[in-house]
PDB file of all heavy atoms in Angstrom:
ATOM      1  N   CYS A   1     153.648 168.793  58.697  1.00  0.00           N
ATOM      2  CA  CYS A   1     152.233 168.924  58.307  1.00  0.00           C
ATOM      3  C   CYS A   1     151.875 168.050  57.109  1.00  0.00           C
ATOM      4  O   CYS A   1     150.707 167.895  56.796  1.00  0.00           O
ATOM      5  CB  CYS A   1     151.905 170.383  57.993  1.00  0.00           C
ATOM      6  SG  CYS A   1     152.061 171.479  59.402  1.00  0.00           S
ATOM      7  N   GLY A   2     152.879 167.539  56.425  1.00  0.00           N
ATOM      8  CA  GLY A   2     152.645 166.675  55.279  1.00  0.00           C
ATOM      9  C   GLY A   2     152.982 167.348  53.965  1.00  0.00           C
ATOM     10  O   GLY A   2     152.957 168.574  53.846  1.00  0.00           O
ATOM     11  N   VAL A   3     153.301 166.529  52.988  1.00  0.00           N
ATOM     12  CA  VAL A   3     153.725 167.022  51.678  1.00  0.00           C
ATOM     13  C   VAL A   3     152.657 167.905  51.018  1.00  0.00           C
ATOM     14  O   VAL A   3     152.985 168.988  50.513  1.00  0.00           O
ATOM     15  CB  VAL A   3     154.158 165.860  50.759  1.00  0.00           C
ATOM     16  CG1 VAL A   3     154.416 166.337  49.337  1.00  0.00           C
ATOM     17  CG2 VAL A   3     155.415 165.198  51.330  1.00  0.00           C
ATOM     18  N   PRO A   4     151.380 167.527  51.006  1.00  0.00           N
ATOM     19  CA  PRO A   4     150.395 168.418  50.379  1.00  0.00           C
ATOM     20  C   PRO A   4     150.375 169.815  51.010  1.00  0.00           C
ATOM     21  O   PRO A   4     150.246 170.817  50.313  1.00  0.00           O
ATOM     22  CB  PRO A   4     149.064 167.692  50.584  1.00  0.00           C
ATOM     23  CG  PRO A   4     149.441 166.251  50.656  1.00  0.00           C
ATOM     24  CD  PRO A   4     150.752 166.240  51.414  1.00  0.00           C
ATOM     25  N   CYS A   5     150.548 169.879  52.312  1.00  0.00           N
ATOM     26  CA  CYS A   5     150.600 171.173  52.999  1.00  0.00           C
ATOM     27  C   CYS A   5     151.859 171.939  52.584  1.00  0.00           C
ATOM     28  O   CYS A   5     151.812 173.147  52.342  1.00  0.00           O
ATOM     29  CB  CYS A   5     150.572 170.948  54.510  1.00  0.00           C
ATOM     30  SG  CYS A   5     150.322 172.431  55.471  1.00  0.00           S
ATOM     31  N   GLY A   6     152.971 171.233  52.483  1.00  0.00           N
ATOM     32  CA  GLY A   6     154.206 171.864  52.028  1.00  0.00           C
ATOM     33  C   GLY A   6     154.093 172.385  50.608  1.00  0.00           C
ATOM     34  O   GLY A   6     154.594 173.467  50.293  1.00  0.00           O
ATOM     35  N   VAL A   7     153.430 171.614  49.752  1.00  0.00           N
ATOM     36  CA  VAL A   7     153.204 172.059  48.367  1.00  0.00           C
ATOM     37  C   VAL A   7     152.452 173.390  48.374  1.00  0.00           C
ATOM     38  O   VAL A   7     152.828 174.335  47.675  1.00  0.00           O
ATOM     39  CB  VAL A   7     152.433 170.982  47.556  1.00  0.00           C
ATOM     40  CG1 VAL A   7     151.939 171.542  46.232  1.00  0.00           C
ATOM     41  CG2 VAL A   7     153.300 169.760  47.342  1.00  0.00           C
ATOM     42  N   GLU A   8     151.398 173.461  49.157  1.00  0.00           N
ATOM     43  CA  GLU A   8     150.609 174.701  49.231  1.00  0.00           C
ATOM     44  C   GLU A   8     151.426 175.844  49.820  1.00  0.00           C
ATOM     45  O   GLU A   8     151.342 176.977  49.342  1.00  0.00           O
ATOM     46  CB  GLU A   8     149.333 174.490  50.055  1.00  0.00           C
ATOM     47  CG  GLU A   8     148.273 173.693  49.348  1.00  0.00           C
ATOM     48  CD  GLU A   8     147.785 174.370  48.078  1.00  0.00           C
ATOM     49  OE1 GLU A   8     147.435 175.563  48.103  1.00  0.00           O
ATOM     50  OE2 GLU A   8     147.755 173.693  47.040  1.00  0.00           O
ATOM     51  N   ALA A   9     152.207 175.551  50.847  1.00  0.00           N
ATOM     52  CA  ALA A   9     153.024 176.593  51.468  1.00  0.00           C
ATOM     53  C   ALA A   9     154.016 177.179  50.461  1.00  0.00           C
ATOM     54  O   ALA A   9     154.134 178.401  50.334  1.00  0.00           O
ATOM     55  CB  ALA A   9     153.759 176.030  52.690  1.00  0.00           C
ATOM     56  N   PHE A  10     154.715 176.302  49.733  1.00  0.00           N
ATOM     57  CA  PHE A  10     155.656 176.795  48.728  1.00  0.00           C
ATOM     58  C   PHE A  10     154.922 177.525  47.598  1.00  0.00           C
ATOM     59  O   PHE A  10     155.412 178.532  47.093  1.00  0.00           O
ATOM     60  CB  PHE A  10     156.520 175.655  48.179  1.00  0.00           C
ATOM     61  CG  PHE A  10     157.744 175.394  49.005  1.00  0.00           C
ATOM     62  CD1 PHE A  10     157.746 174.394  49.975  1.00  0.00           C
ATOM     63  CD2 PHE A  10     158.892 176.153  48.826  1.00  0.00           C
ATOM     64  CE1 PHE A  10     158.884 174.151  50.741  1.00  0.00           C
ATOM     65  CE2 PHE A  10     160.031 175.921  49.584  1.00  0.00           C
ATOM     66  CZ  PHE A  10     160.019 174.917  50.550  1.00  0.00           C
ATOM     67  N   ARG A  11     153.759 177.044  47.210  1.00  0.00           N
ATOM     68  CA  ARG A  11     152.984 177.686  46.144  1.00  0.00           C
ATOM     69  C   ARG A  11     152.595 179.113  46.537  1.00  0.00           C
ATOM     70  O   ARG A  11     152.775 180.054  45.776  1.00  0.00           O
ATOM     71  CB  ARG A  11     151.726 176.868  45.832  1.00  0.00           C
ATOM     72  CG  ARG A  11     150.861 177.494  44.733  1.00  0.00           C
ATOM     73  CD  ARG A  11     149.624 176.660  44.413  1.00  0.00           C
ATOM     74  NE  ARG A  11     150.037 175.390  43.823  1.00  0.00           N
ATOM     75  CZ  ARG A  11     149.590 174.199  44.200  1.00  0.00           C
ATOM     76  NH1 ARG A  11     148.689 174.085  45.158  1.00  0.00           N
ATOM     77  NH2 ARG A  11     150.026 173.107  43.614  1.00  0.00           N
ATOM     78  N   HIS A  12     152.088 179.271  47.743  1.00  0.00           N
ATOM     79  CA  HIS A  12     151.651 180.603  48.183  1.00  0.00           C
ATOM     80  C   HIS A  12     152.846 181.520  48.454  1.00  0.00           C
ATOM     81  O   HIS A  12     152.773 182.721  48.182  1.00  0.00           O
ATOM     82  CB  HIS A  12     150.735 180.486  49.396  1.00  0.00           C
ATOM     83  CG  HIS A  12     149.388 179.963  49.036  1.00  0.00           C
ATOM     84  ND1 HIS A  12     148.371 180.776  48.570  1.00  0.00           N
ATOM     85  CD2 HIS A  12     148.893 178.705  49.029  1.00  0.00           C
ATOM     86  CE1 HIS A  12     147.307 180.042  48.305  1.00  0.00           C
ATOM     87  NE2 HIS A  12     147.598 178.777  48.569  1.00  0.00           N
ATOM     88  N   ALA A  13     153.934 180.956  48.950  1.00  0.00           N
ATOM     89  CA  ALA A  13     155.144 181.748  49.158  1.00  0.00           C
ATOM     90  C   ALA A  13     155.691 182.242  47.815  1.00  0.00           C
ATOM     91  O   ALA A  13     156.034 183.416  47.661  1.00  0.00           O
ATOM     92  CB  ALA A  13     156.194 180.916  49.887  1.00  0.00           C
ATOM     93  N   ARG A  14     155.733 181.356  46.842  1.00  0.00           N
ATOM     94  CA  ARG A  14     156.231 181.716  45.507  1.00  0.00           C
ATOM     95  C   ARG A  14     155.382 182.842  44.918  1.00  0.00           C
ATOM     96  O   ARG A  14     155.906 183.780  44.327  1.00  0.00           O
ATOM     97  CB  ARG A  14     156.221 180.468  44.608  1.00  0.00           C
ATOM     98  CG  ARG A  14     156.369 180.693  43.122  1.00  0.00           C
ATOM     99  CD  ARG A  14     157.579 181.438  42.683  1.00  0.00           C
ATOM    100  NE  ARG A  14     158.809 180.741  42.889  1.00  0.00           N
ATOM    101  CZ  ARG A  14     159.965 181.401  43.032  1.00  0.00           C
ATOM    102  NH1 ARG A  14     159.997 182.706  43.005  1.00  0.00           N
ATOM    103  NH2 ARG A  14     161.080 180.751  43.195  1.00  0.00           N
ATOM    104  N   LYS A  15     154.068 182.756  45.090  1.00  0.00           N
ATOM    105  CA  LYS A  15     153.176 183.792  44.569  1.00  0.00           C
ATOM    106  C   LYS A  15     153.510 185.155  45.182  1.00  0.00           C
ATOM    107  O   LYS A  15     153.574 186.161  44.470  1.00  0.00           O
ATOM    108  CB  LYS A  15     151.717 183.423  44.857  1.00  0.00           C
ATOM    109  CG  LYS A  15     150.724 184.385  44.268  1.00  0.00           C
ATOM    110  CD  LYS A  15     149.285 183.947  44.513  1.00  0.00           C
ATOM    111  CE  LYS A  15     148.355 184.991  43.911  1.00  0.00           C
ATOM    112  NZ  LYS A  15     146.998 184.870  44.396  1.00  0.00           N
ATOM    113  N   VAL A  16     153.756 185.200  46.485  1.00  0.00           N
ATOM    114  CA  VAL A  16     154.134 186.454  47.152  1.00  0.00           C
ATOM    115  C   VAL A  16     155.462 186.961  46.595  1.00  0.00           C
ATOM    116  O   VAL A  16     155.607 188.155  46.297  1.00  0.00           O
ATOM    117  CB  VAL A  16     154.216 186.274  48.682  1.00  0.00           C
ATOM    118  CG1 VAL A  16     154.871 187.479  49.346  1.00  0.00           C
ATOM    119  CG2 VAL A  16     152.826 186.027  49.266  1.00  0.00           C
ATOM    120  N   LEU A  17     156.436 186.074  46.435  1.00  0.00           N
ATOM    121  CA  LEU A  17     157.746 186.477  45.924  1.00  0.00           C
ATOM    122  C   LEU A  17     157.633 187.064  44.518  1.00  0.00           C
ATOM    123  O   LEU A  17     158.276 188.071  44.203  1.00  0.00           O
ATOM    124  CB  LEU A  17     158.705 185.293  45.935  1.00  0.00           C
ATOM    125  CG  LEU A  17     159.055 184.747  47.330  1.00  0.00           C
ATOM    126  CD1 LEU A  17     159.826 183.440  47.208  1.00  0.00           C
ATOM    127  CD2 LEU A  17     159.825 185.774  48.138  1.00  0.00           C
ATOM    128  N   VAL A  18     156.799 186.457  43.686  1.00  0.00           N
ATOM    129  CA  VAL A  18     156.595 186.960  42.325  1.00  0.00           C
ATOM    130  C   VAL A  18     155.875 188.304  42.364  1.00  0.00           C
ATOM    131  O   VAL A  18     156.292 189.266  41.714  1.00  0.00           O
ATOM    132  CB  VAL A  18     155.824 185.927  41.465  1.00  0.00           C
ATOM    133  CG1 VAL A  18     155.367 186.534  40.152  1.00  0.00           C
ATOM    134  CG2 VAL A  18     156.699 184.700  41.218  1.00  0.00           C
ATOM    135  N   GLU A  19     154.788 188.385  43.137  1.00  0.00           N
ATOM    136  CA  GLU A  19     154.018 189.635  43.227  1.00  0.00           C
ATOM    137  C   GLU A  19     154.884 190.789  43.726  1.00  0.00           C
ATOM    138  O   GLU A  19     154.746 191.916  43.271  1.00  0.00           O
ATOM    139  CB  GLU A  19     152.825 189.466  44.171  1.00  0.00           C
ATOM    140  CG  GLU A  19     151.699 188.642  43.596  1.00  0.00           C
ATOM    141  CD  GLU A  19     150.608 188.362  44.616  1.00  0.00           C
ATOM    142  OE1 GLU A  19     150.730 188.749  45.816  1.00  0.00           O
ATOM    143  OE2 GLU A  19     149.604 187.719  44.227  1.00  0.00           O
ATOM    144  N   ASP A  20     155.762 190.502  44.670  1.00  0.00           N
ATOM    145  CA  ASP A  20     156.606 191.548  45.250  1.00  0.00           C
ATOM    146  C   ASP A  20     157.924 191.725  44.511  1.00  0.00           C
ATOM    147  O   ASP A  20     158.789 192.485  44.941  1.00  0.00           O
ATOM    148  CB  ASP A  20     156.860 191.256  46.728  1.00  0.00           C
ATOM    149  CG  ASP A  20     155.606 191.405  47.571  1.00  0.00           C
ATOM    150  OD1 ASP A  20     154.541 191.777  47.028  1.00  0.00           O
ATOM    151  OD2 ASP A  20     155.688 191.152  48.787  1.00  0.00           O
ATOM    152  N   GLU A  21     158.065 190.995  43.397  1.00  0.00           N
ATOM    153  CA  GLU A  21     159.243 191.089  42.535  1.00  0.00           C
ATOM    154  C   GLU A  21     160.548 190.894  43.304  1.00  0.00           C
ATOM    155  O   GLU A  21     161.516 191.634  43.139  1.00  0.00           O
ATOM    156  CB  GLU A  21     159.241 192.412  41.768  1.00  0.00           C
ATOM    157  CG  GLU A  21     158.031 192.564  40.862  1.00  0.00           C
ATOM    158  CD  GLU A  21     157.981 193.886  40.120  1.00  0.00           C
ATOM    159  OE1 GLU A  21     158.795 194.792  40.404  1.00  0.00           O
ATOM    160  OE2 GLU A  21     157.112 194.006  39.246  1.00  0.00           O
ATOM    161  N   ILE A  22     160.573 189.870  44.136  1.00  0.00           N
ATOM    162  CA  ILE A  22     161.773 189.538  44.901  1.00  0.00           C
ATOM    163  C   ILE A  22     162.601 188.565  44.074  1.00  0.00           C
ATOM    164  O   ILE A  22     162.116 187.511  43.666  1.00  0.00           O
ATOM    165  CB  ILE A  22     161.403 188.950  46.275  1.00  0.00           C
ATOM    166  CG1 ILE A  22     160.688 190.028  47.101  1.00  0.00           C
ATOM    167  CG2 ILE A  22     162.646 188.419  46.983  1.00  0.00           C
ATOM    168  CD1 ILE A  22     160.113 189.544  48.413  1.00  0.00           C
ATOM    169  N   ASP A  23     163.833 188.938  43.828  1.00  0.00           N
ATOM    170  CA  ASP A  23     164.743 188.127  43.022  1.00  0.00           C
ATOM    171  C   ASP A  23     165.340 187.028  43.893  1.00  0.00           C
ATOM    172  O   ASP A  23     166.318 187.239  44.613  1.00  0.00           O
ATOM    173  CB  ASP A  23     165.839 189.020  42.436  1.00  0.00           C
ATOM    174  CG  ASP A  23     166.752 188.287  41.482  1.00  0.00           C
ATOM    175  OD1 ASP A  23     166.763 187.033  41.474  1.00  0.00           O
ATOM    176  OD2 ASP A  23     167.485 188.970  40.737  1.00  0.00           O
ATOM    177  N   VAL A  24     164.737 185.858  43.825  1.00  0.00           N
ATOM    178  CA  VAL A  24     165.140 184.732  44.656  1.00  0.00           C
ATOM    179  C   VAL A  24     166.578 184.324  44.371  1.00  0.00           C
ATOM    180  O   VAL A  24     167.364 184.075  45.295  1.00  0.00           O
ATOM    181  CB  VAL A  24     164.175 183.537  44.456  1.00  0.00           C
ATOM    182  CG1 VAL A  24     164.666 182.310  45.186  1.00  0.00           C
ATOM    183  CG2 VAL A  24     162.770 183.911  44.887  1.00  0.00           C
ATOM    184  N   GLU A  25     166.946 184.254  43.114  1.00  0.00           N
ATOM    185  CA  GLU A  25     168.306 183.835  42.763  1.00  0.00           C
ATOM    186  C   GLU A  25     169.338 184.798  43.333  1.00  0.00           C
ATOM    187  O   GLU A  25     170.373 184.375  43.854  1.00  0.00           O
ATOM    188  CB  GLU A  25     168.457 183.700  41.247  1.00  0.00           C
ATOM    189  CG  GLU A  25     167.548 182.635  40.634  1.00  0.00           C
ATOM    190  CD  GLU A  25     167.664 181.276  41.309  1.00  0.00           C
ATOM    191  OE1 GLU A  25     168.788 180.851  41.666  1.00  0.00           O
ATOM    192  OE2 GLU A  25     166.616 180.627  41.486  1.00  0.00           O
ATOM    193  N   LYS A  26     169.062 186.074  43.259  1.00  0.00           N
ATOM    194  CA  LYS A  26     169.972 187.075  43.806  1.00  0.00           C
ATOM    195  C   LYS A  26     170.089 186.907  45.319  1.00  0.00           C
ATOM    196  O   LYS A  26     171.180 186.978  45.875  1.00  0.00           O
ATOM    197  CB  LYS A  26     169.471 188.479  43.466  1.00  0.00           C
ATOM    198  CG  LYS A  26     170.334 189.588  44.013  1.00  0.00           C
ATOM    199  CD  LYS A  26     169.770 190.947  43.661  1.00  0.00           C
ATOM    200  CE  LYS A  26     170.582 192.038  44.323  1.00  0.00           C
ATOM    201  NZ  LYS A  26     169.986 193.356  44.131  1.00  0.00           N
ATOM    202  N   GLU A  27     168.956 186.684  45.988  1.00  0.00           N
ATOM    203  CA  GLU A  27     168.947 186.505  47.437  1.00  0.00           C
ATOM    204  C   GLU A  27     169.799 185.310  47.846  1.00  0.00           C
ATOM    205  O   GLU A  27     170.556 185.382  48.800  1.00  0.00           O
ATOM    206  CB  GLU A  27     167.526 186.313  47.955  1.00  0.00           C
ATOM    207  CG  GLU A  27     166.680 187.558  47.883  1.00  0.00           C
ATOM    208  CD  GLU A  27     167.043 188.599  48.918  1.00  0.00           C
ATOM    209  OE1 GLU A  27     167.477 188.228  50.036  1.00  0.00           O
ATOM    210  OE2 GLU A  27     166.903 189.793  48.615  1.00  0.00           O
ATOM    211  N   PHE A  28     169.674 184.186  47.113  1.00  0.00           N
ATOM    212  CA  PHE A  28     170.401 182.999  47.514  1.00  0.00           C
ATOM    213  C   PHE A  28     171.882 183.046  47.123  1.00  0.00           C
ATOM    214  O   PHE A  28     172.692 182.377  47.737  1.00  0.00           O
ATOM    215  CB  PHE A  28     169.711 181.726  46.993  1.00  0.00           C
ATOM    216  CG  PHE A  28     168.585 181.319  47.895  1.00  0.00           C
ATOM    217  CD1 PHE A  28     167.292 181.734  47.643  1.00  0.00           C
ATOM    218  CD2 PHE A  28     168.832 180.564  49.030  1.00  0.00           C
ATOM    219  CE1 PHE A  28     166.257 181.400  48.499  1.00  0.00           C
ATOM    220  CE2 PHE A  28     167.798 180.219  49.890  1.00  0.00           C
ATOM    221  CZ  PHE A  28     166.512 180.642  49.628  1.00  0.00           C
ATOM    222  N   LYS A  29     172.235 183.843  46.135  1.00  0.00           N
ATOM    223  CA  LYS A  29     173.655 184.015  45.814  1.00  0.00           C
ATOM    224  C   LYS A  29     174.385 184.685  46.969  1.00  0.00           C
ATOM    225  O   LYS A  29     175.558 184.441  47.192  1.00  0.00           O
ATOM    226  CB  LYS A  29     173.826 184.832  44.526  1.00  0.00           C
ATOM    227  CG  LYS A  29     173.585 184.013  43.294  1.00  0.00           C
ATOM    228  CD  LYS A  29     173.839 184.799  42.042  1.00  0.00           C
ATOM    229  CE  LYS A  29     173.499 183.911  40.861  1.00  0.00           C
ATOM    230  NZ  LYS A  29     173.560 184.575  39.611  1.00  0.00           N
ATOM    231  N   SER A  30     173.678 185.510  47.735  1.00  0.00           N
ATOM    232  CA  SER A  30     174.326 186.190  48.867  1.00  0.00           C
ATOM    233  C   SER A  30     174.649 185.220  49.999  1.00  0.00           C
ATOM    234  O   SER A  30     175.416 185.537  50.879  1.00  0.00           O
ATOM    235  CB  SER A  30     173.429 187.327  49.385  1.00  0.00           C
ATOM    236  OG  SER A  30     172.246 186.810  49.962  1.00  0.00           O
TER     237      SER A  30
END
């Protein structure tokens, strides 16, 4: 879809992860 679309996708995904207090580092260590 293109880099600008990817930027937005990661931005909105990150916002959900922060709002839901999901520990990304912990998830990826597994």
